[in-house]
Amino acid sequence: MQTLREAKVGQTVAVVKLHGEGAVKRRIMDMGITKGVQVHVRKVAPLGDPIEVTVRGYELSIRKADAEMIEVQ
């Protein structure tokens, strides 16, 4: 299992599953990160937090803790 946090800069991955529950999972889905969507990793901050990605044509910064809940391939 690979998570979005482990994806390398410049890599495009597909979301397989969202882990976590309740409000956290809902917030991730509200940002447009849902099963099957393509996510392109643009940048990672020097200390690894946050991760900047492109999802559905817009740029998004996501915390490392949230990125760990997103399973990708």
C-alpha atoms as a PDB file:
ATOM      1  CA  MET A   1       0.000   0.000   0.000  1.00  0.00           C
ATOM      2  CA  GLN A   2       1.355   3.399  -1.016  1.00  0.00           C
ATOM      3  CA  THR A   3       0.016   6.646   0.405  1.00  0.00           C
ATOM      4  CA  LEU A   4       0.004  10.118  -1.120  1.00  0.00           C
ATOM      5  CA  ARG A   5       2.657  11.110   1.421  1.00  0.00           C
ATOM      6  CA  GLU A   6       5.085   8.578  -0.107  1.00  0.00           C
ATOM      7  CA  ALA A   7       4.522   9.760  -3.693  1.00  0.00           C
ATOM      8  CA  LYS A   8       7.504  11.528  -5.260  1.00  0.00           C
ATOM      9  CA  VAL A   9       7.540  15.077  -6.647  1.00  0.00           C
ATOM     10  CA  GLY A  10       6.499  15.078 -10.307  1.00  0.00           C
ATOM     11  CA  GLN A  11       4.619  11.786  -9.966  1.00  0.00           C
ATOM     12  CA  THR A  12       0.953  11.449 -10.964  1.00  0.00           C
ATOM     13  CA  VAL A  13      -0.990   8.853  -8.985  1.00  0.00           C
ATOM     14  CA  ALA A  14      -4.578   7.621  -8.837  1.00  0.00           C
ATOM     15  CA  VAL A  15      -6.532   7.554  -5.583  1.00  0.00           C
ATOM     16  CA  VAL A  16      -7.474   3.986  -4.608  1.00  0.00           C
ATOM     17  CA  LYS A  17      -9.066   4.470  -1.188  1.00  0.00           C
ATOM     18  CA  LEU A  18      -9.541   7.046   1.559  1.00  0.00           C
ATOM     19  CA  HIS A  19      -8.795   5.882   5.083  1.00  0.00           C
ATOM     20  CA  GLY A  20      -9.886   7.690   8.217  1.00  0.00           C
ATOM     21  CA  GLU A  21     -13.425   8.492   9.223  1.00  0.00           C
ATOM     22  CA  GLY A  22     -15.969  11.191   9.925  1.00  0.00           C
ATOM     23  CA  ALA A  23     -15.041  14.840   9.527  1.00  0.00           C
ATOM     24  CA  VAL A  24     -11.479  14.216   8.319  1.00  0.00           C
ATOM     25  CA  LYS A  25     -12.564  11.904   5.489  1.00  0.00           C
ATOM     26  CA  ARG A  26     -15.401  14.282   4.580  1.00  0.00           C
ATOM     27  CA  ARG A  27     -12.961  17.234   4.389  1.00  0.00           C
ATOM     28  CA  ILE A  28     -10.609  15.311   2.093  1.00  0.00           C
ATOM     29  CA  MET A  29     -13.541  14.401  -0.170  1.00  0.00           C
ATOM     30  CA  ASP A  30     -14.769  18.006  -0.154  1.00  0.00           C
ATOM     31  CA  MET A  31     -11.360  19.068  -1.513  1.00  0.00           C
ATOM     32  CA  GLY A  32     -12.056  16.910  -4.581  1.00  0.00           C
ATOM     33  CA  ILE A  33      -9.898  13.959  -3.590  1.00  0.00           C
ATOM     34  CA  THR A  34     -12.144  10.979  -4.257  1.00  0.00           C
ATOM     35  CA  LYS A  35     -11.631   7.388  -5.430  1.00  0.00           C
ATOM     36  CA  GLY A  36     -10.282   7.175  -8.979  1.00  0.00           C
ATOM     37  CA  VAL A  37      -9.168  10.809  -9.313  1.00  0.00           C
ATOM     38  CA  GLN A  38      -5.670  11.626 -10.635  1.00  0.00           C
ATOM     39  CA  VAL A  39      -3.386  13.545  -8.249  1.00  0.00           C
ATOM     40  CA  HIS A  40      -0.146  15.185  -9.461  1.00  0.00           C
ATOM     41  CA  VAL A  41       2.467  15.894  -6.769  1.00  0.00           C
ATOM     42  CA  ARG A  42       3.905  19.352  -7.527  1.00  0.00           C
ATOM     43  CA  LYS A  43       6.071  20.220  -4.528  1.00  0.00           C
ATOM     44  CA  VAL A  44       6.894  19.138  -1.006  1.00  0.00           C
ATOM     45  CA  ALA A  45       7.854  21.790   1.546  1.00  0.00           C
ATOM     46  CA  PRO A  46      11.442  21.560   2.897  1.00  0.00           C
ATOM     47  CA  LEU A  47      10.324  19.864   6.126  1.00  0.00           C
ATOM     48  CA  GLY A  48       7.840  17.674   4.269  1.00  0.00           C
ATOM     49  CA  ASP A  49       4.710  19.540   5.348  1.00  0.00           C
ATOM     50  CA  PRO A  50       2.561  20.529   3.485  1.00  0.00           C
ATOM     51  CA  ILE A  51       2.507  18.706   0.164  1.00  0.00           C
ATOM     52  CA  GLU A  52       1.354  20.712  -2.866  1.00  0.00           C
ATOM     53  CA  VAL A  53      -0.708  18.747  -5.381  1.00  0.00           C
ATOM     54  CA  THR A  54      -2.853  19.378  -8.455  1.00  0.00           C
ATOM     55  CA  VAL A  55      -6.303  17.773  -8.322  1.00  0.00           C
ATOM     56  CA  ARG A  56      -9.055  18.230 -10.925  1.00  0.00           C
ATOM     57  CA  GLY A  57      -7.212  21.187 -12.457  1.00  0.00           C
ATOM     58  CA  TYR A  58      -6.601  23.192  -9.288  1.00  0.00           C
ATOM     59  CA  GLU A  59      -3.726  23.443  -6.857  1.00  0.00           C
ATOM     60  CA  LEU A  60      -4.090  22.232  -3.311  1.00  0.00           C
ATOM     61  CA  SER A  61      -1.851  22.050  -0.266  1.00  0.00           C
ATOM     62  CA  ILE A  62      -2.466  19.081   1.966  1.00  0.00           C
ATOM     63  CA  ARG A  63      -1.025  18.239   5.365  1.00  0.00           C
ATOM     64  CA  LYS A  64       1.242  15.235   5.752  1.00  0.00           C
ATOM     65  CA  ALA A  65      -1.169  13.676   8.267  1.00  0.00           C
ATOM     66  CA  ASP A  66      -4.037  13.931   5.762  1.00  0.00           C
ATOM     67  CA  ALA A  67      -1.865  12.656   2.889  1.00  0.00           C
ATOM     68  CA  GLU A  68      -1.160   9.484   4.901  1.00  0.00           C
ATOM     69  CA  MET A  69      -4.886   8.659   4.825  1.00  0.00           C
ATOM     70  CA  ILE A  70      -5.014   8.682   1.013  1.00  0.00           C
ATOM     71  CA  GLU A  71      -4.077   5.351  -0.546  1.00  0.00           C
ATOM     72  CA  VAL A  72      -2.783   5.697  -4.124  1.00  0.00           C
ATOM     73  CA  GLN A  73      -1.272   3.620  -6.921  1.00  0.00           C
END
